[in-house]
N, C-alpha and C. Protein backbone atom coordinates (compact mmCIF):
# COMPACT_ATOMS: atom_id res chain seq x y z
N MET A 1 -7.98 17.53 10.29
CA MET A 1 -6.76 17.21 9.57
C MET A 1 -5.77 16.59 10.56
N SER A 2 -4.98 15.67 10.07
CA SER A 2 -4.03 14.98 10.94
C SER A 2 -2.81 15.84 11.22
N LYS A 3 -2.11 15.50 12.29
CA LYS A 3 -0.91 16.26 12.65
C LYS A 3 0.27 15.85 11.75
N THR A 4 1.27 16.69 11.70
CA THR A 4 2.46 16.41 10.90
C THR A 4 3.38 15.47 11.66
N LEU A 5 3.81 14.41 10.98
CA LEU A 5 4.70 13.41 11.58
C LEU A 5 6.11 13.60 11.04
N LYS A 6 7.08 13.45 11.91
CA LYS A 6 8.49 13.61 11.52
C LYS A 6 8.98 12.37 10.77
N PRO A 7 9.96 12.54 9.87
CA PRO A 7 10.57 11.39 9.21
C PRO A 7 11.18 10.45 10.26
N GLY A 8 11.09 9.15 10.02
CA GLY A 8 11.62 8.17 10.97
C GLY A 8 10.61 7.74 12.01
N THR A 9 9.48 8.47 12.10
CA THR A 9 8.42 8.11 13.03
C THR A 9 7.66 6.90 12.49
N PRO A 10 7.32 5.92 13.32
CA PRO A 10 6.50 4.82 12.82
C PRO A 10 5.11 5.33 12.41
N ALA A 11 4.65 4.88 11.26
CA ALA A 11 3.33 5.29 10.77
C ALA A 11 2.25 4.74 11.70
N PRO A 12 1.35 5.60 12.20
CA PRO A 12 0.30 5.12 13.10
C PRO A 12 -0.76 4.29 12.38
N LYS A 13 -0.94 4.54 11.06
CA LYS A 13 -1.91 3.81 10.24
C LYS A 13 -1.30 3.60 8.87
N SER A 14 -1.72 2.56 8.18
CA SER A 14 -1.29 2.35 6.80
C SER A 14 -2.06 3.29 5.89
N GLY A 15 -1.39 3.79 4.86
CA GLY A 15 -2.06 4.67 3.90
C GLY A 15 -1.07 5.57 3.18
N GLN A 16 -1.62 6.56 2.48
CA GLN A 16 -0.81 7.52 1.74
C GLN A 16 -0.52 8.72 2.64
N TYR A 17 0.77 9.05 2.73
CA TYR A 17 1.22 10.20 3.52
C TYR A 17 1.80 11.23 2.57
N GLN A 18 1.40 12.49 2.76
CA GLN A 18 1.87 13.56 1.89
C GLN A 18 2.84 14.47 2.64
N ASN A 19 3.89 14.88 1.92
CA ASN A 19 4.81 15.88 2.43
C ASN A 19 4.23 17.22 1.99
N PRO A 20 3.66 18.02 2.90
CA PRO A 20 3.05 19.29 2.52
C PRO A 20 4.02 20.27 1.86
N GLY A 21 5.30 20.15 2.15
CA GLY A 21 6.30 21.04 1.57
C GLY A 21 6.52 20.80 0.09
N THR A 22 6.37 19.54 -0.36
CA THR A 22 6.62 19.22 -1.76
C THR A 22 5.37 18.73 -2.49
N GLY A 23 4.38 18.25 -1.76
CA GLY A 23 3.18 17.69 -2.37
C GLY A 23 3.35 16.22 -2.75
N ASN A 24 4.56 15.67 -2.58
CA ASN A 24 4.80 14.26 -2.91
C ASN A 24 4.14 13.36 -1.87
N GLU A 25 3.70 12.18 -2.33
CA GLU A 25 3.10 11.21 -1.44
C GLU A 25 3.95 9.95 -1.38
N VAL A 26 3.91 9.32 -0.21
CA VAL A 26 4.58 8.03 -0.01
C VAL A 26 3.57 7.09 0.64
N THR A 27 3.78 5.80 0.46
CA THR A 27 2.94 4.81 1.11
C THR A 27 3.56 4.45 2.44
N GLY A 28 2.79 4.63 3.49
CA GLY A 28 3.25 4.27 4.83
C GLY A 28 2.56 3.00 5.30
N VAL A 29 3.31 2.12 5.93
CA VAL A 29 2.78 0.88 6.47
C VAL A 29 2.78 1.00 7.99
N LYS A 30 1.65 0.67 8.61
CA LYS A 30 1.52 0.81 10.05
C LYS A 30 2.71 0.16 10.77
N GLY A 31 3.36 0.94 11.63
CA GLY A 31 4.47 0.46 12.43
C GLY A 31 5.84 0.60 11.77
N LYS A 32 5.87 0.88 10.46
CA LYS A 32 7.15 1.05 9.75
C LYS A 32 7.51 2.54 9.72
N SER A 33 8.80 2.85 9.75
CA SER A 33 9.27 4.24 9.78
C SER A 33 8.95 4.97 8.48
N LEU A 34 8.56 6.24 8.61
CA LEU A 34 8.37 7.08 7.43
C LEU A 34 9.74 7.48 6.88
N PRO A 35 9.85 7.63 5.56
CA PRO A 35 11.15 7.90 4.95
C PRO A 35 11.65 9.32 5.20
N PRO A 36 12.93 9.57 4.92
CA PRO A 36 13.48 10.93 5.05
C PRO A 36 12.79 11.89 4.09
N THR A 37 12.81 13.17 4.43
CA THR A 37 12.27 14.22 3.57
C THR A 37 13.42 14.95 2.86
N PRO A 38 13.11 15.66 1.77
CA PRO A 38 14.16 16.36 1.04
C PRO A 38 14.86 17.46 1.84
N ARG A 39 14.14 18.09 2.76
CA ARG A 39 14.71 19.20 3.54
C ARG A 39 14.42 19.01 5.02
N PRO A 40 15.31 19.52 5.87
CA PRO A 40 15.06 19.46 7.32
C PRO A 40 13.80 20.24 7.68
N GLY A 41 13.11 19.79 8.71
CA GLY A 41 11.93 20.48 9.20
C GLY A 41 10.64 20.09 8.50
N GLN A 42 10.72 19.26 7.46
CA GLN A 42 9.51 18.82 6.78
C GLN A 42 8.99 17.55 7.44
N GLY A 43 7.76 17.19 7.15
CA GLY A 43 7.16 15.99 7.72
C GLY A 43 6.09 15.44 6.80
N TYR A 44 5.23 14.61 7.35
CA TYR A 44 4.18 13.95 6.58
C TYR A 44 2.84 14.06 7.27
N LYS A 45 1.78 14.10 6.46
CA LYS A 45 0.41 14.05 6.96
C LYS A 45 -0.32 12.92 6.26
N LEU A 46 -1.12 12.19 7.02
CA LEU A 46 -1.93 11.11 6.45
C LEU A 46 -3.05 11.73 5.63
N VAL A 47 -3.11 11.43 4.33
CA VAL A 47 -4.12 12.01 3.45
C VAL A 47 -5.11 10.98 2.93
N ASP A 48 -4.75 9.68 2.92
CA ASP A 48 -5.64 8.66 2.41
C ASP A 48 -5.38 7.34 3.16
N PRO A 49 -6.08 7.13 4.29
CA PRO A 49 -5.85 5.89 5.03
C PRO A 49 -6.32 4.67 4.24
N THR A 50 -5.64 3.57 4.43
CA THR A 50 -6.01 2.31 3.80
C THR A 50 -7.23 1.75 4.50
N THR A 51 -8.19 1.22 3.72
CA THR A 51 -9.35 0.58 4.29
C THR A 51 -9.25 -0.91 4.01
N HIS A 52 -9.65 -1.70 4.97
CA HIS A 52 -9.59 -3.15 4.87
C HIS A 52 -11.00 -3.71 4.93
N LYS A 53 -11.33 -4.55 3.97
CA LYS A 53 -12.62 -5.24 4.01
C LYS A 53 -12.38 -6.68 4.40
N ARG A 54 -13.18 -7.17 5.30
CA ARG A 54 -13.04 -8.58 5.74
C ARG A 54 -14.35 -9.28 5.64
């Protein structure tokens, strides 16, 4: 399982990130900051990385 990332941290990979405290998911784009969470001390975990076919 991936580590918990703090809000404002650049997403290491593109994909769906879940806030374990609420169960809500957000789409993270590699290199872009993760959004704020509803409560202090919460974070995000990568639950569904984006796959690219070329």
